[in-house]
Each structure stands twice: as C-alpha cells, then as structure tokens.
C-alpha cells in the first residue's frame, strides 16, 4: 500500500510542476528581461538538469540503503 501511495504522490507532484511551468517561465522572462522563447529554453534545460540530478540522488540513496 505504501508503494502505491508513494507512486500517487510522485504523479501528483509532477502534475503540479507542469501547472507551475508557465508561471516560472514568465518569472524568468521578467527577472532576466529576455524574450519568452529564451526564458522557456532556460526553464526546459534547467528542469531537465534538475530531474536528472533528482534521479541520481534517488539511485545513490537506494545504493546506500543496501
């Protein structure tokens, strides 16, 4: 049951992140005073790097638990 709850929580978190993406793009655009296209590119690249790092940390955590 815990595994199912964890998976559901992860899916909800990913959905919430997708909903926040436009707000983040606008914030980056306004903060850096750049075009929306450049801002979206920065956000997409940054989000990908963050997701890779999160995956790496999760794998490392599993290895340390064993």
C-alpha atoms as a PDB file:
ATOM      1  CA  UNK A   1       0.000   0.000   0.000  1.00  0.00           C
ATOM      2  CA  UNK A   2       2.826   2.396   0.827  1.00  0.00           C
ATOM      3  CA  UNK A   3       4.363   1.875  -2.607  1.00  0.00           C
ATOM      4  CA  UNK A   4       1.059   2.788  -4.289  1.00  0.00           C
ATOM      5  CA  UNK A   5       0.738   5.921  -2.159  1.00  0.00           C
ATOM      6  CA  UNK A   6       4.292   6.927  -2.987  1.00  0.00           C
ATOM      7  CA  UNK A   7       3.663   6.498  -6.712  1.00  0.00           C
ATOM      8  CA  UNK A   8       0.465   8.530  -6.481  1.00  0.00           C
ATOM      9  CA  UNK A   9       2.281  11.286  -4.598  1.00  0.00           C
ATOM     10  CA  UNK A  10       5.007  11.395  -7.263  1.00  0.00           C
ATOM     11  CA  UNK A  11       2.415  11.624 -10.054  1.00  0.00           C
ATOM     12  CA  UNK A  12       0.624  14.476  -8.272  1.00  0.00           C
ATOM     13  CA  UNK A  13       3.926  16.280  -7.729  1.00  0.00           C
ATOM     14  CA  UNK A  14       4.823  16.002 -11.425  1.00  0.00           C
ATOM     15  CA  UNK A  15       1.380  17.281 -12.446  1.00  0.00           C
ATOM     16  CA  UNK A  16       1.709  20.219 -10.058  1.00  0.00           C
ATOM     17  CA  UNK A  17       5.111  21.038 -11.540  1.00  0.00           C
ATOM     18  CA  UNK A  18       3.645  21.057 -15.049  1.00  0.00           C
ATOM     19  CA  UNK A  19       0.960  23.504 -13.946  1.00  0.00           C
ATOM     20  CA  UNK A  20       3.571  25.822 -12.441  1.00  0.00           C
ATOM     21  CA  UNK A  21       5.771  25.832 -15.561  1.00  0.00           C
ATOM     22  CA  UNK A  22       4.123  28.830 -17.291  1.00  0.00           C
ATOM     23  CA  UNK A  23       4.456  30.931 -14.131  1.00  0.00           C
ATOM     24  CA  UNK A  24       8.127  30.022 -13.840  1.00  0.00           C
ATOM     25  CA  UNK A  25       8.744  30.909 -17.492  1.00  0.00           C
ATOM     26  CA  UNK A  26       7.103  34.311 -17.020  1.00  0.00           C
ATOM     27  CA  UNK A  27       9.069  34.936 -13.819  1.00  0.00           C
ATOM     28  CA  UNK A  28      12.356  34.102 -15.544  1.00  0.00           C
ATOM     29  CA  UNK A  29      11.405  36.264 -18.531  1.00  0.00           C
ATOM     30  CA  UNK A  30      10.591  39.243 -16.351  1.00  0.00           C
ATOM     31  CA  UNK A  31      13.511  38.744 -13.983  1.00  0.00           C
ATOM     32  CA  UNK A  32      16.102  38.493 -16.742  1.00  0.00           C
ATOM     33  CA  UNK A  33      14.287  40.876 -19.124  1.00  0.00           C
ATOM     34  CA  UNK A  34      14.514  38.400 -22.025  1.00  0.00           C
ATOM     35  CA  UNK A  35      12.096  37.001 -24.595  1.00  0.00           C
ATOM     36  CA  UNK A  36       9.588  34.295 -23.733  1.00  0.00           C
ATOM     37  CA  UNK A  37      11.300  31.853 -26.108  1.00  0.00           C
ATOM     38  CA  UNK A  38      14.680  32.296 -24.368  1.00  0.00           C
ATOM     39  CA  UNK A  39      13.005  32.050 -20.984  1.00  0.00           C
ATOM     40  CA  UNK A  40      11.225  28.811 -21.941  1.00  0.00           C
ATOM     41  CA  UNK A  41      14.505  27.363 -23.214  1.00  0.00           C
ATOM     42  CA  UNK A  42      16.272  28.204 -19.954  1.00  0.00           C
ATOM     43  CA  UNK A  43      13.426  26.645 -17.931  1.00  0.00           C
ATOM     44  CA  UNK A  44      13.303  23.467 -20.018  1.00  0.00           C
ATOM     45  CA  UNK A  45      17.054  22.927 -19.826  1.00  0.00           C
ATOM     46  CA  UNK A  46      17.103  23.736 -16.108  1.00  0.00           C
ATOM     47  CA  UNK A  47      14.155  21.441 -15.388  1.00  0.00           C
ATOM     48  CA  UNK A  48      15.832  18.585 -17.255  1.00  0.00           C
ATOM     49  CA  UNK A  49      19.066  19.023 -15.308  1.00  0.00           C
ATOM     50  CA  UNK A  50      17.174  19.120 -12.012  1.00  0.00           C
ATOM     51  CA  UNK A  51      15.243  15.945 -12.883  1.00  0.00           C
ATOM     52  CA  UNK A  52      18.468  14.126 -13.802  1.00  0.00           C
ATOM     53  CA  UNK A  53      20.048  15.184 -10.515  1.00  0.00           C
ATOM     54  CA  UNK A  54      16.994  14.061  -8.551  1.00  0.00           C
ATOM     55  CA  UNK A  55      17.146  10.665 -10.266  1.00  0.00           C
ATOM     56  CA  UNK A  56      20.854  10.395  -9.488  1.00  0.00           C
ATOM     57  CA  UNK A  57      20.238  11.178  -5.818  1.00  0.00           C
ATOM     58  CA  UNK A  58      17.441   8.586  -5.653  1.00  0.00           C
ATOM     59  CA  UNK A  59      19.673   5.896  -7.165  1.00  0.00           C
ATOM     60  CA  UNK A  60      22.501   6.834  -4.818  1.00  0.00           C
ATOM     61  CA  UNK A  61      20.105   6.684  -1.873  1.00  0.00           C
ATOM     62  CA  UNK A  62      18.985   3.184  -2.872  1.00  0.00           C
ATOM     63  CA  UNK A  63      22.595   2.063  -3.159  1.00  0.00           C
ATOM     64  CA  UNK A  64      23.386   3.426   0.304  1.00  0.00           C
ATOM     65  CA  UNK A  65      20.369   1.663   1.811  1.00  0.00           C
ATOM     66  CA  UNK A  66      21.601  -1.712   0.540  1.00  0.00           C
END
